[in-house]
Structures are given as structure tokens and as C-alpha cells.
Amino acid sequence: MNTFIALIRFIRSTEPNMDPAVFSFDLELYELKYTLQCIHCEWRRASARGAKEAALKKAQMEVANKPWLRSLLPEWLGLFSGSPECQPPASDPFLESNG
């Protein structure tokens, strides 16, 4: 969280007239991307299928909590955190890879 506080202070010092709503939205997107990247690292380090599935579920939950940001994610994060409704588990490329 200290990273986010430092980021907020930096942005406010460089963009004092920034609309708070835009700033809040940008910060939410940054936070979601960062969280998903951390979860992706967990997924890559996991050797057991259950641990990989748990990481994918965690990523899906993060995106489900902020669905308005889904379309703004980079393509690879969107694929990684894709909802189970859009992709059956058997065809999940992240679970089928050797990681």
C-alpha cells in the first residue's frame, strides 16, 4: 500500500488540477493490473494443478469485483483472468501449459 500512497502523492504533485474521479479510476486500474500481475507470478511458480487453479480463481475474483475495468486490461491479463463462463476449464490455456 505504501507504493500506492507514493504514487498518489507523485501524481498530485505533477497534476494538481487532475479530476479526482479520473484519478480514482486510473488508480483502480493500476491497482487491478498490479494485483493480477502478482497473481500471475504465483500461478507461474505453482507446480501443483490445484495451486494453479486457485491462482486463476483468485484472478477471476479480482476482476469480478471490478467488472468495469475488465475491458481496459492488457490482452494477456484479460485472457489470464477470463471468467469461467467465457472459457470452460478443459480449454483453459493457462492450466494446460507446462508453465
C-alpha atoms as a PDB file:
ATOM      1  CA  MET A   1       0.000   0.000   0.000  1.00  0.00           C
ATOM      2  CA  ASN A   2       2.949   2.360   0.559  1.00  0.00           C
ATOM      3  CA  THR A   3       3.634   2.176  -3.177  1.00  0.00           C
ATOM      4  CA  PHE A   4       0.124   3.413  -3.894  1.00  0.00           C
ATOM      5  CA  ILE A   5       0.430   6.268  -1.405  1.00  0.00           C
ATOM      6  CA  ALA A   6       3.712   7.344  -3.005  1.00  0.00           C
ATOM      7  CA  LEU A   7       2.084   7.133  -6.440  1.00  0.00           C
ATOM      8  CA  ILE A   8      -0.845   9.268  -5.293  1.00  0.00           C
ATOM      9  CA  ARG A   9       1.474  11.919  -3.861  1.00  0.00           C
ATOM     10  CA  PHE A  10       3.595  11.965  -7.013  1.00  0.00           C
ATOM     11  CA  ILE A  11       0.623  12.302  -9.357  1.00  0.00           C
ATOM     12  CA  ARG A  12      -0.973  15.011  -7.241  1.00  0.00           C
ATOM     13  CA  SER A  13       2.298  16.959  -7.221  1.00  0.00           C
ATOM     14  CA  THR A  14       2.680  16.742 -11.017  1.00  0.00           C
ATOM     15  CA  GLU A  15      -1.021  17.056 -11.925  1.00  0.00           C
ATOM     16  CA  PRO A  16      -2.576  19.347  -9.287  1.00  0.00           C
ATOM     17  CA  ASN A  17      -5.660  20.084 -11.443  1.00  0.00           C
ATOM     18  CA  MET A  18      -6.447  16.453 -12.233  1.00  0.00           C
ATOM     19  CA  ASP A  19     -10.093  15.482 -11.884  1.00  0.00           C
ATOM     20  CA  PRO A  20     -10.372  13.320  -8.729  1.00  0.00           C
ATOM     21  CA  ALA A  21     -12.801  10.938 -10.470  1.00  0.00           C
ATOM     22  CA  VAL A  22     -10.345  10.305 -13.321  1.00  0.00           C
ATOM     23  CA  PHE A  23      -7.517   9.897 -10.856  1.00  0.00           C
ATOM     24  CA  SER A  24      -9.507   7.397  -8.799  1.00  0.00           C
ATOM     25  CA  PHE A  25     -10.401   5.395 -11.918  1.00  0.00           C
ATOM     26  CA  ASP A  26      -6.771   5.332 -13.100  1.00  0.00           C
ATOM     27  CA  LEU A  27      -5.620   4.256  -9.657  1.00  0.00           C
ATOM     28  CA  GLU A  28      -8.184   1.432  -9.562  1.00  0.00           C
ATOM     29  CA  LEU A  29      -6.980   0.193 -12.951  1.00  0.00           C
ATOM     30  CA  TYR A  30      -3.330   0.390 -11.882  1.00  0.00           C
ATOM     31  CA  GLU A  31      -4.100  -1.492  -8.678  1.00  0.00           C
ATOM     32  CA  LEU A  32      -6.023  -4.229 -10.542  1.00  0.00           C
ATOM     33  CA  LYS A  33      -3.229  -4.679 -13.109  1.00  0.00           C
ATOM     34  CA  TYR A  34      -0.629  -4.871 -10.349  1.00  0.00           C
ATOM     35  CA  THR A  35      -2.680  -7.382  -8.353  1.00  0.00           C
ATOM     36  CA  LEU A  36      -3.267  -9.578 -11.417  1.00  0.00           C
ATOM     37  CA  GLN A  37       0.431  -9.490 -12.298  1.00  0.00           C
ATOM     38  CA  CYS A  38       1.273 -10.657  -8.758  1.00  0.00           C
ATOM     39  CA  ILE A  39      -1.303 -13.448  -9.023  1.00  0.00           C
ATOM     40  CA  HIS A  40       0.143 -14.432 -12.406  1.00  0.00           C
ATOM     41  CA  CYS A  41       3.566 -14.763 -10.762  1.00  0.00           C
ATOM     42  CA  GLU A  42       2.010 -17.014  -8.104  1.00  0.00           C
ATOM     43  CA  TRP A  43       0.422 -19.080 -10.885  1.00  0.00           C
ATOM     44  CA  ARG A  44       3.748 -19.438 -12.715  1.00  0.00           C
ATOM     45  CA  ARG A  45       5.571 -20.549  -9.548  1.00  0.00           C
ATOM     46  CA  ALA A  46       2.898 -23.099  -8.645  1.00  0.00           C
ATOM     47  CA  SER A  47       3.711 -26.663  -9.584  1.00  0.00           C
ATOM     48  CA  ALA A  48       0.521 -28.371  -8.444  1.00  0.00           C
ATOM     49  CA  ARG A  49      -2.602 -28.137 -10.593  1.00  0.00           C
ATOM     50  CA  GLY A  50      -4.692 -27.236  -7.525  1.00  0.00           C
ATOM     51  CA  ALA A  51      -2.441 -24.270  -6.750  1.00  0.00           C
ATOM     52  CA  LYS A  52      -2.662 -23.087 -10.359  1.00  0.00           C
ATOM     53  CA  GLU A  53      -6.455 -23.387 -10.275  1.00  0.00           C
ATOM     54  CA  ALA A  54      -6.559 -21.442  -7.005  1.00  0.00           C
ATOM     55  CA  ALA A  55      -4.482 -18.635  -8.534  1.00  0.00           C
ATOM     56  CA  LEU A  56      -6.779 -18.488 -11.575  1.00  0.00           C
ATOM     57  CA  LYS A  57      -9.837 -18.374  -9.319  1.00  0.00           C
ATOM     58  CA  LYS A  58      -8.243 -15.564  -7.317  1.00  0.00           C
ATOM     59  CA  ALA A  59      -7.589 -13.600 -10.534  1.00  0.00           C
ATOM     60  CA  GLN A  60     -11.161 -14.161 -11.690  1.00  0.00           C
ATOM     61  CA  MET A  61     -12.489 -12.901  -8.350  1.00  0.00           C
ATOM     62  CA  GLU A  62     -10.353  -9.748  -8.533  1.00  0.00           C
ATOM     63  CA  VAL A  63     -11.792  -8.933 -11.967  1.00  0.00           C
ATOM     64  CA  ALA A  64     -15.317  -9.878 -10.867  1.00  0.00           C
ATOM     65  CA  ASN A  65     -15.025  -7.304  -8.076  1.00  0.00           C
ATOM     66  CA  LYS A  66     -14.268  -4.549 -10.646  1.00  0.00           C
ATOM     67  CA  PRO A  67     -16.036  -5.583 -13.869  1.00  0.00           C
ATOM     68  CA  TRP A  68     -15.989  -2.026 -15.247  1.00  0.00           C
ATOM     69  CA  LEU A  69     -12.195  -2.347 -15.637  1.00  0.00           C
ATOM     70  CA  ARG A  70     -12.206  -5.695 -17.487  1.00  0.00           C
ATOM     71  CA  SER A  71     -12.151  -4.192 -20.980  1.00  0.00           C
ATOM     72  CA  LEU A  72      -9.199  -1.941 -20.090  1.00  0.00           C
ATOM     73  CA  LEU A  73      -6.871  -4.768 -19.087  1.00  0.00           C
ATOM     74  CA  PRO A  74      -3.995  -5.702 -21.394  1.00  0.00           C
ATOM     75  CA  GLU A  75      -4.968  -8.686 -23.544  1.00  0.00           C
ATOM     76  CA  TRP A  76      -2.779 -11.200 -21.704  1.00  0.00           C
ATOM     77  CA  LEU A  77      -4.229 -10.221 -18.312  1.00  0.00           C
ATOM     78  CA  GLY A  78      -7.722 -10.406 -19.741  1.00  0.00           C
ATOM     79  CA  LEU A  79      -7.039 -13.913 -21.004  1.00  0.00           C
ATOM     80  CA  PHE A  80      -5.410 -14.948 -17.737  1.00  0.00           C
ATOM     81  CA  SER A  81      -8.274 -13.671 -15.627  1.00  0.00           C
ATOM     82  CA  GLY A  82     -11.029 -14.658 -18.075  1.00  0.00           C
ATOM     83  CA  SER A  83     -14.255 -15.638 -16.429  1.00  0.00           C
ATOM     84  CA  PRO A  84     -15.202 -19.327 -16.265  1.00  0.00           C
ATOM     85  CA  GLU A  85     -18.430 -18.569 -18.123  1.00  0.00           C
ATOM     86  CA  CYS A  86     -16.429 -17.499 -21.170  1.00  0.00           C
ATOM     87  CA  GLN A  87     -13.988 -20.364 -21.078  1.00  0.00           C
ATOM     88  CA  PRO A  88     -14.638 -23.925 -19.939  1.00  0.00           C
ATOM     89  CA  PRO A  89     -11.902 -25.247 -17.606  1.00  0.00           C
ATOM     90  CA  ALA A  90     -10.950 -28.026 -20.036  1.00  0.00           C
ATOM     91  CA  SER A  91      -9.936 -25.479 -22.681  1.00  0.00           C
ATOM     92  CA  ASP A  92      -8.141 -23.105 -20.316  1.00  0.00           C
ATOM     93  CA  PRO A  93      -4.729 -22.488 -21.950  1.00  0.00           C
ATOM     94  CA  PHE A  94      -3.188 -21.416 -18.668  1.00  0.00           C
ATOM     95  CA  LEU A  95      -3.973 -24.729 -16.993  1.00  0.00           C
ATOM     96  CA  GLU A  96      -2.915 -26.826 -19.972  1.00  0.00           C
ATOM     97  CA  SER A  97       0.525 -25.210 -20.298  1.00  0.00           C
ATOM     98  CA  ASN A  98       3.584 -26.602 -18.592  1.00  0.00           C
ATOM     99  CA  GLY A  99       4.144 -23.189 -17.031  1.00  0.00           C
END
